[in-house]
Amino acid sequence: MEDLDIRMGAEDFAYYSQVMPACFYRLGTGSSDGRLASGLHTPTFDINESALEIGSGLMAWIAIAQLGQEID
């Protein structure tokens, strides 16, 4: 895990959370050796494919945890 500097980015996702419970997180897609270090919206972007497994696993875990709270 890496702490990032505070940024003043804009994100419309916050509006969704006014209607439904929401969770927003940032998942890094680079590699620890710096080989995959291009920015997201660039022609040289490449993804560390293990981020896909981590991201989908995290989303599944959050969904199951939320469902468990609603059942109790």
PDB file of N, CA and C in Angstrom:
ATOM      1  N   MET A   1       0.846  -1.160   0.000  1.00  0.00           N
ATOM      2  CA  MET A   1       0.000   0.000   0.000  1.00  0.00           C
ATOM      3  C   MET A   1       0.898   1.231   0.000  1.00  0.00           C
ATOM      4  N   GLU A   2       0.427   2.263  -0.682  1.00  0.00           N
ATOM      5  CA  GLU A   2       1.207   3.491  -0.791  1.00  0.00           C
ATOM      6  C   GLU A   2       0.305   4.692  -0.524  1.00  0.00           C
ATOM      7  N   ASP A   3       0.767   5.592   0.322  1.00  0.00           N
ATOM      8  CA  ASP A   3       0.022   6.825   0.566  1.00  0.00           C
ATOM      9  C   ASP A   3       0.284   7.794  -0.573  1.00  0.00           C
ATOM     10  N   LEU A   4      -0.762   8.437  -1.052  1.00  0.00           N
ATOM     11  CA  LEU A   4      -0.650   9.395  -2.142  1.00  0.00           C
ATOM     12  C   LEU A   4      -0.859  10.803  -1.617  1.00  0.00           C
ATOM     13  N   ASP A   5      -0.295  11.769  -2.320  1.00  0.00           N
ATOM     14  CA  ASP A   5      -0.531  13.163  -1.983  1.00  0.00           C
ATOM     15  C   ASP A   5      -2.000  13.497  -2.207  1.00  0.00           C
ATOM     16  N   ILE A   6      -2.507  14.440  -1.439  1.00  0.00           N
ATOM     17  CA  ILE A   6      -3.882  14.899  -1.611  1.00  0.00           C
ATOM     18  C   ILE A   6      -3.995  15.613  -2.953  1.00  0.00           C
ATOM     19  N   ARG A   7      -5.057  15.316  -3.697  1.00  0.00           N
ATOM     20  CA  ARG A   7      -5.282  15.950  -4.994  1.00  0.00           C
ATOM     21  C   ARG A   7      -6.678  16.549  -5.032  1.00  0.00           C
ATOM     22  N   MET A   8      -6.853  17.527  -5.868  1.00  0.00           N
ATOM     23  CA  MET A   8      -8.146  18.179  -6.029  1.00  0.00           C
ATOM     24  C   MET A   8      -8.819  17.688  -7.310  1.00  0.00           C
ATOM     25  N   GLY A   9      -8.891  16.390  -7.474  1.00  0.00           N
ATOM     26  CA  GLY A   9      -9.537  15.817  -8.654  1.00  0.00           C
ATOM     27  C   GLY A   9     -11.056  15.915  -8.540  1.00  0.00           C
ATOM     28  N   ALA A  10     -11.706  15.863  -9.669  1.00  0.00           N
ATOM     29  CA  ALA A  10     -13.170  15.902  -9.688  1.00  0.00           C
ATOM     30  C   ALA A  10     -13.692  14.499 -10.003  1.00  0.00           C
ATOM     31  N   GLU A  11     -14.773  14.136  -9.358  1.00  0.00           N
ATOM     32  CA  GLU A  11     -15.334  12.813  -9.573  1.00  0.00           C
ATOM     33  C   GLU A  11     -16.847  12.880  -9.368  1.00  0.00           C
ATOM     34  N   ASP A  12     -17.597  12.501 -10.374  1.00  0.00           N
ATOM     35  CA  ASP A  12     -19.057  12.524 -10.300  1.00  0.00           C
ATOM     36  C   ASP A  12     -19.629  11.399  -9.440  1.00  0.00           C
ATOM     37  N   PHE A  13     -18.802  10.435  -9.089  1.00  0.00           N
ATOM     38  CA  PHE A  13     -19.260   9.289  -8.321  1.00  0.00           C
ATOM     39  C   PHE A  13     -19.919   9.713  -7.009  1.00  0.00           C
ATOM     40  N   ALA A  14     -19.497  10.816  -6.436  1.00  0.00           N
ATOM     41  CA  ALA A  14     -20.054  11.279  -5.161  1.00  0.00           C
ATOM     42  C   ALA A  14     -21.561  11.485  -5.239  1.00  0.00           C
ATOM     43  N   TYR A  15     -22.057  11.850  -6.395  1.00  0.00           N
ATOM     44  CA  TYR A  15     -23.496  12.043  -6.547  1.00  0.00           C
ATOM     45  C   TYR A  15     -24.260  10.723  -6.392  1.00  0.00           C
ATOM     46  N   TYR A  16     -23.672   9.636  -6.862  1.00  0.00           N
ATOM     47  CA  TYR A  16     -24.330   8.334  -6.700  1.00  0.00           C
ATOM     48  C   TYR A  16     -24.504   7.999  -5.230  1.00  0.00           C
ATOM     49  N   SER A  17     -23.505   8.355  -4.417  1.00  0.00           N
ATOM     50  CA  SER A  17     -23.541   7.994  -3.001  1.00  0.00           C
ATOM     51  C   SER A  17     -24.600   8.777  -2.228  1.00  0.00           C
ATOM     52  N   GLN A  18     -25.176   9.792  -2.844  1.00  0.00           N
ATOM     53  CA  GLN A  18     -26.269  10.509  -2.196  1.00  0.00           C
ATOM     54  C   GLN A  18     -27.583   9.723  -2.322  1.00  0.00           C
ATOM     55  N   VAL A  19     -27.614   8.762  -3.261  1.00  0.00           N
ATOM     56  CA  VAL A  19     -28.817   7.967  -3.501  1.00  0.00           C
ATOM     57  C   VAL A  19     -28.693   6.564  -2.901  1.00  0.00           C
ATOM     58  N   MET A  20     -27.513   5.974  -3.021  1.00  0.00           N
ATOM     59  CA  MET A  20     -27.264   4.608  -2.556  1.00  0.00           C
ATOM     60  C   MET A  20     -25.971   4.585  -1.744  1.00  0.00           C
ATOM     61  N   PRO A  21     -25.855   3.671  -0.785  1.00  0.00           N
ATOM     62  CA  PRO A  21     -24.572   3.523  -0.090  1.00  0.00           C
ATOM     63  C   PRO A  21     -23.479   3.225  -1.125  1.00  0.00           C
ATOM     64  N   ALA A  22     -22.317   3.815  -0.945  1.00  0.00           N
ATOM     65  CA  ALA A  22     -21.274   3.687  -1.957  1.00  0.00           C
ATOM     66  C   ALA A  22     -19.896   3.537  -1.319  1.00  0.00           C
ATOM     67  N   CYS A  23     -18.986   3.014  -2.093  1.00  0.00           N
ATOM     68  CA  CYS A  23     -17.589   2.879  -1.693  1.00  0.00           C
ATOM     69  C   CYS A  23     -16.736   3.247  -2.906  1.00  0.00           C
ATOM     70  N   PHE A  24     -15.788   4.124  -2.708  1.00  0.00           N
ATOM     71  CA  PHE A  24     -14.910   4.540  -3.800  1.00  0.00           C
ATOM     72  C   PHE A  24     -13.477   4.325  -3.345  1.00  0.00           C
ATOM     73  N   TYR A  25     -12.707   3.621  -4.138  1.00  0.00           N
ATOM     74  CA  TYR A  25     -11.306   3.403  -3.802  1.00  0.00           C
ATOM     75  C   TYR A  25     -10.469   3.492  -5.066  1.00  0.00           C
ATOM     76  N   ARG A  26      -9.210   3.743  -4.889  1.00  0.00           N
ATOM     77  CA  ARG A  26      -8.275   3.790  -6.015  1.00  0.00           C
ATOM     78  C   ARG A  26      -7.397   2.550  -5.953  1.00  0.00           C
ATOM     79  N   LEU A  27      -7.309   1.872  -7.063  1.00  0.00           N
ATOM     80  CA  LEU A  27      -6.510   0.653  -7.149  1.00  0.00           C
ATOM     81  C   LEU A  27      -5.350   0.906  -8.102  1.00  0.00           C
ATOM     82  N   GLY A  28      -4.140   0.812  -7.606  1.00  0.00           N
ATOM     83  CA  GLY A  28      -2.970   1.002  -8.453  1.00  0.00           C
ATOM     84  C   GLY A  28      -2.853  -0.110  -9.483  1.00  0.00           C
ATOM     85  N   THR A  29      -2.384   0.231 -10.669  1.00  0.00           N
ATOM     86  CA  THR A  29      -2.244  -0.763 -11.737  1.00  0.00           C
ATOM     87  C   THR A  29      -0.821  -0.827 -12.281  1.00  0.00           C
ATOM     88  N   GLY A  30       0.114  -0.182 -11.611  1.00  0.00           N
ATOM     89  CA  GLY A  30       1.509  -0.199 -12.044  1.00  0.00           C
ATOM     90  C   GLY A  30       2.226  -1.419 -11.486  1.00  0.00           C
ATOM     91  N   SER A  31       3.530  -1.446 -11.682  1.00  0.00           N
ATOM     92  CA  SER A  31       4.335  -2.546 -11.159  1.00  0.00           C
ATOM     93  C   SER A  31       5.380  -1.987 -10.207  1.00  0.00           C
ATOM     94  N   SER A  32       5.798  -2.786  -9.250  1.00  0.00           N
ATOM     95  CA  SER A  32       6.751  -2.326  -8.243  1.00  0.00           C
ATOM     96  C   SER A  32       8.116  -2.015  -8.842  1.00  0.00           C
ATOM     97  N   ASP A  33       8.438  -2.580 -10.000  1.00  0.00           N
ATOM     98  CA  ASP A  33       9.738  -2.297 -10.621  1.00  0.00           C
ATOM     99  C   ASP A  33       9.704  -1.042 -11.504  1.00  0.00           C
ATOM    100  N   GLY A  34       8.538  -0.383 -11.599  1.00  0.00           N
ATOM    101  CA  GLY A  34       8.422   0.844 -12.382  1.00  0.00           C
ATOM    102  C   GLY A  34       8.249   0.626 -13.867  1.00  0.00           C
ATOM    103  N   ARG A  35       8.246  -0.628 -14.313  1.00  0.00           N
ATOM    104  CA  ARG A  35       8.141  -0.930 -15.742  1.00  0.00           C
ATOM    105  C   ARG A  35       6.794  -0.469 -16.298  1.00  0.00           C
ATOM    106  N   LEU A  36       5.732  -0.596 -15.518  1.00  0.00           N
ATOM    107  CA  LEU A  36       4.400  -0.191 -15.960  1.00  0.00           C
ATOM    108  C   LEU A  36       4.037   1.093 -15.232  1.00  0.00           C
ATOM    109  N   ALA A  37       4.648   2.205 -15.629  1.00  0.00           N
ATOM    110  CA  ALA A  37       4.482   3.446 -14.885  1.00  0.00           C
ATOM    111  C   ALA A  37       3.807   4.549 -15.693  1.00  0.00           C
ATOM    112  N   SER A  38       3.265   4.259 -16.851  1.00  0.00           N
ATOM    113  CA  SER A  38       2.618   5.290 -17.653  1.00  0.00           C
ATOM    114  C   SER A  38       1.289   5.688 -17.032  1.00  0.00           C
ATOM    115  N   GLY A  39       0.888   6.928 -17.262  1.00  0.00           N
ATOM    116  CA  GLY A  39      -0.382   7.418 -16.748  1.00  0.00           C
ATOM    117  C   GLY A  39      -1.562   6.700 -17.383  1.00  0.00           C
ATOM    118  N   LEU A  40      -2.697   6.771 -16.717  1.00  0.00           N
ATOM    119  CA  LEU A  40      -3.897   6.046 -17.140  1.00  0.00           C
ATOM    120  C   LEU A  40      -4.373   6.440 -18.534  1.00  0.00           C
ATOM    121  N   HIS A  41      -4.494   7.702 -18.803  1.00  0.00           N
ATOM    122  CA  HIS A  41      -5.042   8.151 -20.087  1.00  0.00           C
ATOM    123  C   HIS A  41      -3.922   8.559 -21.042  1.00  0.00           C
ATOM    124  N   THR A  42      -2.993   7.647 -21.269  1.00  0.00           N
ATOM    125  CA  THR A  42      -1.881   7.896 -22.184  1.00  0.00           C
ATOM    126  C   THR A  42      -1.781   6.746 -23.178  1.00  0.00           C
ATOM    127  N   PRO A  43      -1.169   6.974 -24.335  1.00  0.00           N
ATOM    128  CA  PRO A  43      -1.045   5.898 -25.321  1.00  0.00           C
ATOM    129  C   PRO A  43      -0.095   4.784 -24.884  1.00  0.00           C
ATOM    130  N   THR A  44       0.732   5.030 -23.869  1.00  0.00           N
ATOM    131  CA  THR A  44       1.686   4.014 -23.414  1.00  0.00           C
ATOM    132  C   THR A  44       1.200   3.251 -22.176  1.00  0.00           C
ATOM    133  N   PHE A  45      -0.057   3.502 -21.758  1.00  0.00           N
ATOM    134  CA  PHE A  45      -0.576   2.822 -20.571  1.00  0.00           C
ATOM    135  C   PHE A  45      -0.595   1.315 -20.781  1.00  0.00           C
ATOM    136  N   ASP A  46      -0.144   0.599 -19.788  1.00  0.00           N
ATOM    137  CA  ASP A  46      -0.198  -0.861 -19.766  1.00  0.00           C
ATOM    138  C   ASP A  46      -0.554  -1.233 -18.334  1.00  0.00           C
ATOM    139  N   ILE A  47      -1.287  -2.296 -18.161  1.00  0.00           N
ATOM    140  CA  ILE A  47      -1.767  -2.643 -16.826  1.00  0.00           C
ATOM    141  C   ILE A  47      -1.036  -3.857 -16.280  1.00  0.00           C
ATOM    142  N   ASN A  48      -0.751  -3.812 -15.008  1.00  0.00           N
ATOM    143  CA  ASN A  48      -0.258  -4.978 -14.312  1.00  0.00           C
ATOM    144  C   ASN A  48      -1.484  -5.869 -14.105  1.00  0.00           C
ATOM    145  N   GLU A  49      -1.585  -6.962 -14.821  1.00  0.00           N
ATOM    146  CA  GLU A  49      -2.805  -7.764 -14.838  1.00  0.00           C
ATOM    147  C   GLU A  49      -3.185  -8.344 -13.483  1.00  0.00           C
ATOM    148  N   SER A  50      -2.253  -8.406 -12.539  1.00  0.00           N
ATOM    149  CA  SER A  50      -2.627  -8.883 -11.197  1.00  0.00           C
ATOM    150  C   SER A  50      -3.569  -7.893 -10.524  1.00  0.00           C
ATOM    151  N   ALA A  51      -3.570  -6.635 -10.966  1.00  0.00           N
ATOM    152  CA  ALA A  51      -4.499  -5.640 -10.417  1.00  0.00           C
ATOM    153  C   ALA A  51      -5.942  -6.009 -10.742  1.00  0.00           C
ATOM    154  N   LEU A  52      -6.170  -6.677 -11.864  1.00  0.00           N
ATOM    155  CA  LEU A  52      -7.526  -7.103 -12.219  1.00  0.00           C
ATOM    156  C   LEU A  52      -8.053  -8.130 -11.213  1.00  0.00           C
ATOM    157  N   GLU A  53      -7.200  -9.063 -10.830  1.00  0.00           N
ATOM    158  CA  GLU A  53      -7.598 -10.074  -9.840  1.00  0.00           C
ATOM    159  C   GLU A  53      -7.817  -9.434  -8.474  1.00  0.00           C
ATOM    160  N   ILE A  54      -6.914  -8.554  -8.089  1.00  0.00           N
ATOM    161  CA  ILE A  54      -7.042  -7.885  -6.792  1.00  0.00           C
ATOM    162  C   ILE A  54      -8.303  -7.018  -6.756  1.00  0.00           C
ATOM    163  N   GLY A  55      -8.544  -6.256  -7.814  1.00  0.00           N
ATOM    164  CA  GLY A  55      -9.702  -5.371  -7.861  1.00  0.00           C
ATOM    165  C   GLY A  55     -11.015  -6.121  -7.839  1.00  0.00           C
ATOM    166  N   SER A  56     -11.121  -7.182  -8.632  1.00  0.00           N
ATOM    167  CA  SER A  56     -12.380  -7.939  -8.649  1.00  0.00           C
ATOM    168  C   SER A  56     -12.583  -8.677  -7.331  1.00  0.00           C
ATOM    169  N   GLY A  57     -11.495  -9.155  -6.724  1.00  0.00           N
ATOM    170  CA  GLY A  57     -11.604  -9.798  -5.411  1.00  0.00           C
ATOM    171  C   GLY A  57     -12.059  -8.823  -4.342  1.00  0.00           C
ATOM    172  N   LEU A  58     -11.528  -7.602  -4.378  1.00  0.00           N
ATOM    173  CA  LEU A  58     -11.924  -6.587  -3.410  1.00  0.00           C
ATOM    174  C   LEU A  58     -13.394  -6.212  -3.580  1.00  0.00           C
ATOM    175  N   MET A  59     -13.842  -6.054  -4.815  1.00  0.00           N
ATOM    176  CA  MET A  59     -15.254  -5.720  -5.044  1.00  0.00           C
ATOM    177  C   MET A  59     -16.169  -6.848  -4.560  1.00  0.00           C
ATOM    178  N   ALA A  60     -15.775  -8.102  -4.797  1.00  0.00           N
ATOM    179  CA  ALA A  60     -16.579  -9.239  -4.325  1.00  0.00           C
ATOM    180  C   ALA A  60     -16.623  -9.271  -2.805  1.00  0.00           C
ATOM    181  N   TRP A  61     -15.482  -9.029  -2.156  1.00  0.00           N
ATOM    182  CA  TRP A  61     -15.426  -9.031  -0.704  1.00  0.00           C
ATOM    183  C   TRP A  61     -16.317  -7.933  -0.121  1.00  0.00           C
ATOM    184  N   ILE A  62     -16.269  -6.735  -0.697  1.00  0.00           N
ATOM    185  CA  ILE A  62     -17.106  -5.628  -0.221  1.00  0.00           C
ATOM    186  C   ILE A  62     -18.590  -5.987  -0.369  1.00  0.00           C
ATOM    187  N   ALA A  63     -18.964  -6.562  -1.505  1.00  0.00           N
ATOM    188  CA  ALA A  63     -20.369  -6.934  -1.733  1.00  0.00           C
ATOM    189  C   ALA A  63     -20.831  -7.979  -0.732  1.00  0.00           C
ATOM    190  N   ILE A  64     -20.012  -8.997  -0.510  1.00  0.00           N
ATOM    191  CA  ILE A  64     -20.384 -10.057   0.440  1.00  0.00           C
ATOM    192  C   ILE A  64     -20.459  -9.501   1.848  1.00  0.00           C
ATOM    193  N   ALA A  65     -19.522  -8.651   2.227  1.00  0.00           N
ATOM    194  CA  ALA A  65     -19.551  -8.038   3.555  1.00  0.00           C
ATOM    195  C   ALA A  65     -20.807  -7.192   3.728  1.00  0.00           C
ATOM    196  N   GLN A  66     -21.169  -6.426   2.722  1.00  0.00           N
ATOM    197  CA  GLN A  66     -22.365  -5.588   2.797  1.00  0.00           C
ATOM    198  C   GLN A  66     -23.626  -6.448   2.890  1.00  0.00           C
ATOM    199  N   LEU A  67     -23.698  -7.503   2.104  1.00  0.00           N
ATOM    200  CA  LEU A  67     -24.848  -8.393   2.174  1.00  0.00           C
ATOM    201  C   LEU A  67     -24.966  -9.046   3.538  1.00  0.00           C
ATOM    202  N   GLY A  68     -23.842  -9.399   4.130  1.00  0.00           N
ATOM    203  CA  GLY A  68     -23.851 -10.000   5.455  1.00  0.00           C
ATOM    204  C   GLY A  68     -24.404  -9.058   6.508  1.00  0.00           C
ATOM    205  N   GLN A  69     -24.112  -7.763   6.377  1.00  0.00           N
ATOM    206  CA  GLN A  69     -24.639  -6.774   7.310  1.00  0.00           C
ATOM    207  C   GLN A  69     -26.137  -6.619   7.162  1.00  0.00           C
ATOM    208  N   GLU A  70     -26.633  -6.718   5.931  1.00  0.00           N
ATOM    209  CA  GLU A  70     -28.063  -6.553   5.684  1.00  0.00           C
ATOM    210  C   GLU A  70     -28.859  -7.755   6.164  1.00  0.00           C
ATOM    211  N   ILE A  71     -28.235  -8.928   6.176  1.00  0.00           N
ATOM    212  CA  ILE A  71     -28.918 -10.155   6.604  1.00  0.00           C
ATOM    213  C   ILE A  71     -29.061 -10.188   8.112  1.00  0.00           C
ATOM    214  N   ASP A  72     -28.037  -9.699   8.845  1.00  0.00           N
ATOM    215  CA  ASP A  72     -28.058  -9.747  10.320  1.00  0.00           C
ATOM    216  C   ASP A  72     -29.177  -8.985  10.926  1.00  0.00           C
TER     217      ASP A  72
END
